[in-house]
Amino acid sequence: MPAEPAIAKPALAPAPSAPTTARLIVHFIESIKNVLETMAGITVTVGAPTLKAEPVPAYDVSGIIGFSGEFIGSMVVSFEQFAARTIVKAFSGSDPPIDSSDFADAVGELANMIAGSAKKSFGGTTSITVPSVIIGRGHTIARLHDVPCIVIPCHTSTGDFAVEVNIKPQKPGGAAGN
């Protein structure tokens, strides 16, 4: 039997110095699972990340974290109202009314933990903001226009939520990079 012809293997491209958005998304997925399991005892099933065009979050309760430094942009954790209440109860050990500052603080802290855990893997010096929380149907969140927003759909036994990531590397000297 004749020998098979050798197939040339493509040369591997060098890894980029700054992580790509796709690589960063992996860190957010790991962070989502770890934070919810560790802090609330809730198992999360993560769906396939998708691109998002519209600025309206998927659900009614949103915790927002901004990024600055070597990476800029934002992360939004958007919960169905029932899921938010149930997850907050599991996380905080109490059942604050949805219109209370304790409820908003708990949602903000969950967003803070997810963003903070993910940012550890970015390398370099990236900072996150104090969380903001918006409660109400149909709110809009301003995003970076030159960067895709990636939505990570999440399902739990208590309901659904999504993590929306809109970040990019910042070039030295303050100019945004792609």
Protein backbone atom coordinates (compact mmCIF):
# COMPACT_ATOMS: atom_id res chain seq x y z
CA MET A 1 0.00 0.00 0.00
CA PRO A 2 1.50 3.39 -0.94
CA ALA A 3 2.42 5.77 1.83
CA GLU A 4 -0.01 8.58 2.50
CA PRO A 5 1.30 11.96 1.36
CA ALA A 6 2.45 14.19 4.17
CA ILE A 7 -0.03 16.92 4.96
CA ALA A 8 1.53 20.25 5.73
CA LYS A 9 0.41 21.53 9.10
CA PRO A 10 -0.43 25.20 9.24
CA ALA A 11 1.94 27.34 11.23
CA LEU A 12 0.46 28.43 14.52
CA ALA A 13 -0.02 32.13 14.83
CA PRO A 14 1.58 33.65 17.90
CA ALA A 15 -0.84 34.30 20.71
CA PRO A 16 -1.86 37.94 20.92
CA SER A 17 -0.38 39.87 23.83
CA ALA A 18 -3.79 41.03 25.05
CA PRO A 19 -6.55 38.45 25.55
CA THR A 20 -9.31 38.55 22.97
CA THR A 21 -12.94 39.11 23.89
CA ALA A 22 -13.63 35.39 23.33
CA ARG A 23 -10.91 34.44 25.81
CA LEU A 24 -12.28 36.91 28.32
CA ILE A 25 -15.77 35.42 28.01
CA VAL A 26 -14.42 32.09 29.28
CA HIS A 27 -13.33 33.85 32.48
CA PHE A 28 -16.78 35.37 32.93
CA ILE A 29 -18.42 31.95 32.49
CA GLU A 30 -16.14 30.43 35.14
CA SER A 31 -16.80 33.38 37.43
CA ILE A 32 -20.61 33.14 37.05
CA LYS A 33 -20.59 29.46 37.98
CA ASN A 34 -18.16 29.87 40.89
CA VAL A 35 -19.87 32.91 42.46
CA LEU A 36 -23.41 31.49 42.31
CA GLU A 37 -22.34 28.05 43.55
CA THR A 38 -20.08 29.34 46.32
CA MET A 39 -22.06 32.35 47.53
CA ALA A 40 -25.67 31.21 46.97
CA GLY A 41 -25.42 27.43 46.66
CA ILE A 42 -27.06 27.62 43.22
CA THR A 43 -25.95 25.59 40.21
CA VAL A 44 -25.90 27.52 36.93
CA THR A 45 -26.26 26.05 33.46
CA VAL A 46 -24.60 28.40 30.97
CA GLY A 47 -25.85 28.56 27.40
CA ALA A 48 -23.90 29.47 24.28
CA PRO A 49 -22.75 33.12 24.27
CA THR A 50 -24.28 35.25 21.49
CA LEU A 51 -23.87 38.75 20.07
CA LYS A 52 -26.34 41.36 21.22
CA ALA A 53 -27.36 44.39 19.18
CA GLU A 54 -29.99 46.20 21.25
CA PRO A 55 -29.12 48.12 24.43
CA VAL A 56 -32.11 46.84 26.45
CA PRO A 57 -31.09 44.13 28.95
CA ALA A 58 -32.81 40.77 28.74
CA TYR A 59 -34.58 41.08 32.10
CA ASP A 60 -35.97 43.50 34.70
CA VAL A 61 -33.24 43.68 37.38
CA SER A 62 -29.72 44.71 36.31
CA GLY A 63 -26.46 45.07 38.21
CA ILE A 64 -23.90 47.09 36.23
CA ILE A 65 -20.12 47.20 36.67
CA GLY A 66 -17.77 49.46 34.68
CA PHE A 67 -14.18 48.57 33.76
CA SER A 68 -11.27 51.01 33.41
CA GLY A 69 -7.52 50.74 33.00
CA GLU A 70 -6.07 48.18 30.61
CA PHE A 71 -9.63 47.09 29.74
CA ILE A 72 -12.60 49.44 29.39
CA GLY A 73 -16.33 48.85 29.08
CA SER A 74 -19.01 47.24 31.19
CA MET A 75 -20.61 44.04 32.43
CA VAL A 76 -24.32 43.76 33.19
CA VAL A 77 -25.96 40.95 35.16
CA SER A 78 -29.64 41.02 34.20
CA PHE A 79 -32.11 38.85 36.16
CA GLU A 80 -35.73 37.82 35.78
CA GLN A 81 -37.43 39.39 38.78
CA PHE A 82 -38.34 36.04 40.39
CA ALA A 83 -34.81 34.69 39.83
CA ALA A 84 -33.33 37.87 41.32
CA ARG A 85 -35.47 37.56 44.46
CA THR A 86 -34.68 33.87 44.90
CA ILE A 87 -30.94 34.28 44.27
CA VAL A 88 -30.75 37.31 46.58
CA LYS A 89 -32.50 35.32 49.30
CA ALA A 90 -30.07 32.40 48.90
CA PHE A 91 -27.08 34.77 48.77
CA SER A 92 -28.01 37.10 51.63
CA GLY A 93 -30.00 34.80 53.88
CA SER A 94 -32.87 37.31 53.95
CA ASP A 95 -35.79 38.19 51.68
CA PRO A 96 -35.70 41.98 51.27
CA PRO A 97 -38.45 43.67 49.26
CA ILE A 98 -37.44 44.30 45.65
CA ASP A 99 -37.72 48.07 46.15
CA SER A 100 -35.41 48.11 49.19
CA SER A 101 -31.80 49.23 49.33
CA ASP A 102 -30.86 45.82 50.79
CA PHE A 103 -32.15 44.10 47.64
CA ALA A 104 -30.24 46.50 45.38
CA ASP A 105 -27.10 46.08 47.50
CA ALA A 106 -27.27 42.28 47.18
CA VAL A 107 -27.74 42.43 43.37
CA GLY A 108 -24.86 44.90 43.15
CA GLU A 109 -22.62 42.70 45.27
CA LEU A 110 -23.34 39.66 43.06
CA ALA A 111 -22.42 41.74 39.99
CA ASN A 112 -19.29 42.98 41.80
CA MET A 113 -18.18 39.43 42.65
CA ILE A 114 -18.72 38.13 39.11
CA ALA A 115 -16.85 41.05 37.52
CA GLY A 116 -14.10 41.05 40.16
CA SER A 117 -13.47 37.33 39.85
CA ALA A 118 -13.34 37.52 36.03
CA LYS A 119 -11.03 40.56 36.00
CA LYS A 120 -8.41 38.74 38.06
CA SER A 121 -7.65 36.64 35.00
CA PHE A 122 -7.22 39.64 32.65
CA GLY A 123 -3.70 40.38 33.89
CA GLY A 124 -2.41 43.93 34.07
CA THR A 125 -4.20 46.71 35.85
CA THR A 126 -7.92 46.85 35.31
CA SER A 127 -10.24 48.42 37.86
CA ILE A 128 -13.97 47.98 38.36
CA THR A 129 -16.51 50.55 39.50
CA VAL A 130 -18.89 50.45 42.40
CA PRO A 131 -21.99 48.61 41.12
CA SER A 132 -25.12 50.38 39.97
CA VAL A 133 -28.47 48.60 40.07
CA ILE A 134 -31.51 49.32 37.92
CA ILE A 135 -34.89 47.74 38.62
CA GLY A 136 -37.68 48.03 36.08
CA ARG A 137 -38.81 46.71 32.72
CA GLY A 138 -37.32 48.08 29.51
CA HIS A 139 -34.39 50.10 30.86
CA THR A 140 -31.56 50.91 28.43
CA ILE A 141 -27.85 50.59 29.14
CA ALA A 142 -25.34 52.67 27.15
CA ARG A 143 -22.46 50.60 25.81
CA LEU A 144 -19.25 51.00 23.83
CA HIS A 145 -20.33 51.21 20.19
CA ASP A 146 -17.17 49.87 18.58
CA VAL A 147 -17.11 46.61 20.55
CA PRO A 148 -19.53 43.70 20.38
CA CYS A 149 -21.71 43.01 23.39
CA ILE A 150 -21.60 39.32 24.22
CA VAL A 151 -24.58 37.84 26.09
CA ILE A 152 -24.01 34.78 28.27
CA PRO A 153 -27.44 33.20 28.95
CA CYS A 154 -27.74 31.45 32.31
CA HIS A 155 -30.36 29.12 33.72
CA THR A 156 -30.91 28.05 37.32
CA SER A 157 -33.65 26.10 39.06
CA THR A 158 -34.85 29.47 40.37
CA GLY A 159 -35.07 31.18 36.96
CA ASP A 160 -33.00 32.75 34.24
CA PHE A 161 -30.49 35.57 34.04
CA ALA A 162 -27.91 36.81 31.56
CA VAL A 163 -24.47 38.35 31.81
CA GLU A 164 -23.75 40.93 29.11
CA VAL A 165 -20.07 41.75 28.52
CA ASN A 166 -18.97 44.80 26.50
CA ILE A 167 -15.23 45.31 27.07
CA LYS A 168 -12.07 45.85 25.07
CA PRO A 169 -8.36 46.41 25.69
CA GLN A 170 -7.21 49.99 26.11
CA LYS A 171 -4.09 50.92 24.15
CA PRO A 172 -1.26 52.67 26.02
CA GLY A 173 -1.74 56.41 26.08
CA GLY A 174 -5.51 56.23 26.52
CA ALA A 175 -6.58 55.32 22.97
CA ALA A 176 -9.01 52.41 22.88
CA GLY A 177 -7.80 49.26 21.11
CA ASN A 178 -9.69 46.54 19.37
